[in-house]
Amino acid sequence: MTFRLIAVVATVLVPKAVLACPVCFGASDGPMLTGSNMGILALLVVTLGMLGAFGTFIATMARRAARAQQDSRPPGAVGQAEAP
């Protein structure tokens, strides 16, 4: 309740600073826009880095599982084991 009240008061009293992006302020090449672009770039780098780390982890686990399955087969076995 208190947070909502503060948000409404901030929106009513300072609408330009609360609702406008750097381009809406009119400075399309100012330092505020440059800072916003650097923030977006930083978030993209972190997101892509984490996606790459998860992908590498999944690929490593798949290779280890395939190697463990291959090592657990009896000597001379080829393919799937046949049902008796």
C-alpha atoms as a PDB file:
ATOM      1  CA  MET A   1       0.000   0.000   0.000  1.00  0.00           C
ATOM      2  CA  THR A   2       2.755   2.422   0.929  1.00  0.00           C
ATOM      3  CA  PHE A   3       4.769   1.586  -2.188  1.00  0.00           C
ATOM      4  CA  ARG A   4       1.763   2.200  -4.423  1.00  0.00           C
ATOM      5  CA  LEU A   5       1.095   5.524  -2.761  1.00  0.00           C
ATOM      6  CA  ILE A   6       4.725   6.611  -3.264  1.00  0.00           C
ATOM      7  CA  ALA A   7       4.619   5.488  -6.905  1.00  0.00           C
ATOM      8  CA  VAL A   8       1.415   7.429  -7.582  1.00  0.00           C
ATOM      9  CA  VAL A   9       2.734  10.555  -5.880  1.00  0.00           C
ATOM     10  CA  ALA A  10       6.025  10.327  -7.797  1.00  0.00           C
ATOM     11  CA  THR A  11       4.169   9.874 -11.082  1.00  0.00           C
ATOM     12  CA  VAL A  12       1.883  12.824 -10.441  1.00  0.00           C
ATOM     13  CA  LEU A  13       4.544  15.208  -9.138  1.00  0.00           C
ATOM     14  CA  VAL A  14       7.417  14.331 -11.491  1.00  0.00           C
ATOM     15  CA  PRO A  15       5.873  12.763 -14.618  1.00  0.00           C
ATOM     16  CA  LYS A  16       8.642  13.794 -16.994  1.00  0.00           C
ATOM     17  CA  ALA A  17      11.406  12.129 -14.962  1.00  0.00           C
ATOM     18  CA  VAL A  18       9.349   9.030 -14.135  1.00  0.00           C
ATOM     19  CA  LEU A  19       7.838   8.210 -17.510  1.00  0.00           C
ATOM     20  CA  ALA A  20      10.215   9.530 -20.161  1.00  0.00           C
ATOM     21  CA  CYS A  21      13.131   7.717 -21.745  1.00  0.00           C
ATOM     22  CA  PRO A  22      16.328   9.567 -22.765  1.00  0.00           C
ATOM     23  CA  VAL A  23      15.127  10.017 -26.343  1.00  0.00           C
ATOM     24  CA  CYS A  24      11.847  11.523 -25.093  1.00  0.00           C
ATOM     25  CA  PHE A  25      13.803  14.210 -23.255  1.00  0.00           C
ATOM     26  CA  GLY A  26      14.983  15.458 -26.651  1.00  0.00           C
ATOM     27  CA  ALA A  27      18.712  14.708 -26.302  1.00  0.00           C
ATOM     28  CA  SER A  28      19.137  11.889 -28.803  1.00  0.00           C
ATOM     29  CA  ASP A  29      22.941  12.038 -28.576  1.00  0.00           C
ATOM     30  CA  GLY A  30      23.448  13.098 -24.963  1.00  0.00           C
ATOM     31  CA  PRO A  31      25.240  11.320 -22.155  1.00  0.00           C
ATOM     32  CA  MET A  32      21.993   9.929 -20.757  1.00  0.00           C
ATOM     33  CA  LEU A  33      21.320   8.032 -23.970  1.00  0.00           C
ATOM     34  CA  THR A  34      24.912   6.787 -24.073  1.00  0.00           C
ATOM     35  CA  GLY A  35      24.547   5.533 -20.505  1.00  0.00           C
ATOM     36  CA  SER A  36      21.291   3.764 -21.379  1.00  0.00           C
ATOM     37  CA  ASN A  37      22.908   2.100 -24.372  1.00  0.00           C
ATOM     38  CA  MET A  38      25.857   0.925 -22.268  1.00  0.00           C
ATOM     39  CA  GLY A  39      23.421  -0.489 -19.693  1.00  0.00           C
ATOM     40  CA  ILE A  40      21.576  -2.388 -22.403  1.00  0.00           C
ATOM     41  CA  LEU A  41      24.864  -3.699 -23.793  1.00  0.00           C
ATOM     42  CA  ALA A  42      25.977  -4.847 -20.330  1.00  0.00           C
ATOM     43  CA  LEU A  43      22.704  -6.712 -19.795  1.00  0.00           C
ATOM     44  CA  LEU A  44      22.998  -8.371 -23.204  1.00  0.00           C
ATOM     45  CA  VAL A  45      26.569  -9.491 -22.469  1.00  0.00           C
ATOM     46  CA  VAL A  46      25.533 -10.979 -19.128  1.00  0.00           C
ATOM     47  CA  THR A  47      22.508 -12.717 -20.655  1.00  0.00           C
ATOM     48  CA  LEU A  48      24.460 -14.176 -23.574  1.00  0.00           C
ATOM     49  CA  GLY A  49      27.278 -15.225 -21.248  1.00  0.00           C
ATOM     50  CA  MET A  50      24.862 -17.108 -18.981  1.00  0.00           C
ATOM     51  CA  LEU A  51      23.127 -18.757 -21.953  1.00  0.00           C
ATOM     52  CA  GLY A  52      26.524 -19.853 -23.258  1.00  0.00           C
ATOM     53  CA  ALA A  53      27.489 -21.222 -19.852  1.00  0.00           C
ATOM     54  CA  PHE A  54      24.252 -23.215 -19.593  1.00  0.00           C
ATOM     55  CA  GLY A  55      24.680 -24.547 -23.126  1.00  0.00           C
ATOM     56  CA  THR A  56      28.267 -25.602 -22.400  1.00  0.00           C
ATOM     57  CA  PHE A  57      27.165 -27.287 -19.174  1.00  0.00           C
ATOM     58  CA  ILE A  58      24.388 -29.225 -20.937  1.00  0.00           C
ATOM     59  CA  ALA A  59      26.736 -30.314 -23.751  1.00  0.00           C
ATOM     60  CA  THR A  60      29.355 -31.442 -21.212  1.00  0.00           C
ATOM     61  CA  MET A  61      26.772 -33.468 -19.268  1.00  0.00           C
ATOM     62  CA  ALA A  62      25.511 -35.086 -22.489  1.00  0.00           C
ATOM     63  CA  ARG A  63      29.056 -36.081 -23.481  1.00  0.00           C
ATOM     64  CA  ARG A  64      29.760 -37.483 -20.005  1.00  0.00           C
ATOM     65  CA  ALA A  65      26.506 -39.462 -20.030  1.00  0.00           C
ATOM     66  CA  ALA A  66      27.287 -40.926 -23.460  1.00  0.00           C
ATOM     67  CA  ARG A  67      30.821 -41.830 -22.340  1.00  0.00           C
ATOM     68  CA  ALA A  68      29.535 -43.429 -19.111  1.00  0.00           C
ATOM     69  CA  GLN A  69      26.947 -45.429 -21.034  1.00  0.00           C
ATOM     70  CA  GLN A  70      29.597 -46.619 -23.487  1.00  0.00           C
ATOM     71  CA  ASP A  71      31.995 -47.588 -20.675  1.00  0.00           C
ATOM     72  CA  SER A  72      29.290 -49.586 -18.864  1.00  0.00           C
ATOM     73  CA  ARG A  73      28.615 -51.933 -21.820  1.00  0.00           C
ATOM     74  CA  PRO A  74      30.119 -55.389 -21.629  1.00  0.00           C
ATOM     75  CA  PRO A  75      33.027 -56.115 -23.994  1.00  0.00           C
ATOM     76  CA  GLY A  76      31.877 -57.151 -27.459  1.00  0.00           C
ATOM     77  CA  ALA A  77      28.387 -55.668 -27.077  1.00  0.00           C
ATOM     78  CA  VAL A  78      27.194 -53.661 -30.060  1.00  0.00           C
ATOM     79  CA  GLY A  79      24.202 -51.326 -29.985  1.00  0.00           C
ATOM     80  CA  GLN A  80      21.224 -51.962 -27.725  1.00  0.00           C
ATOM     81  CA  ALA A  81      21.025 -55.092 -25.598  1.00  0.00           C
ATOM     82  CA  GLU A  82      18.432 -57.594 -26.861  1.00  0.00           C
ATOM     83  CA  ALA A  83      15.561 -58.671 -24.639  1.00  0.00           C
ATOM     84  CA  PRO A  84      15.618 -62.379 -23.604  1.00  0.00           C
END
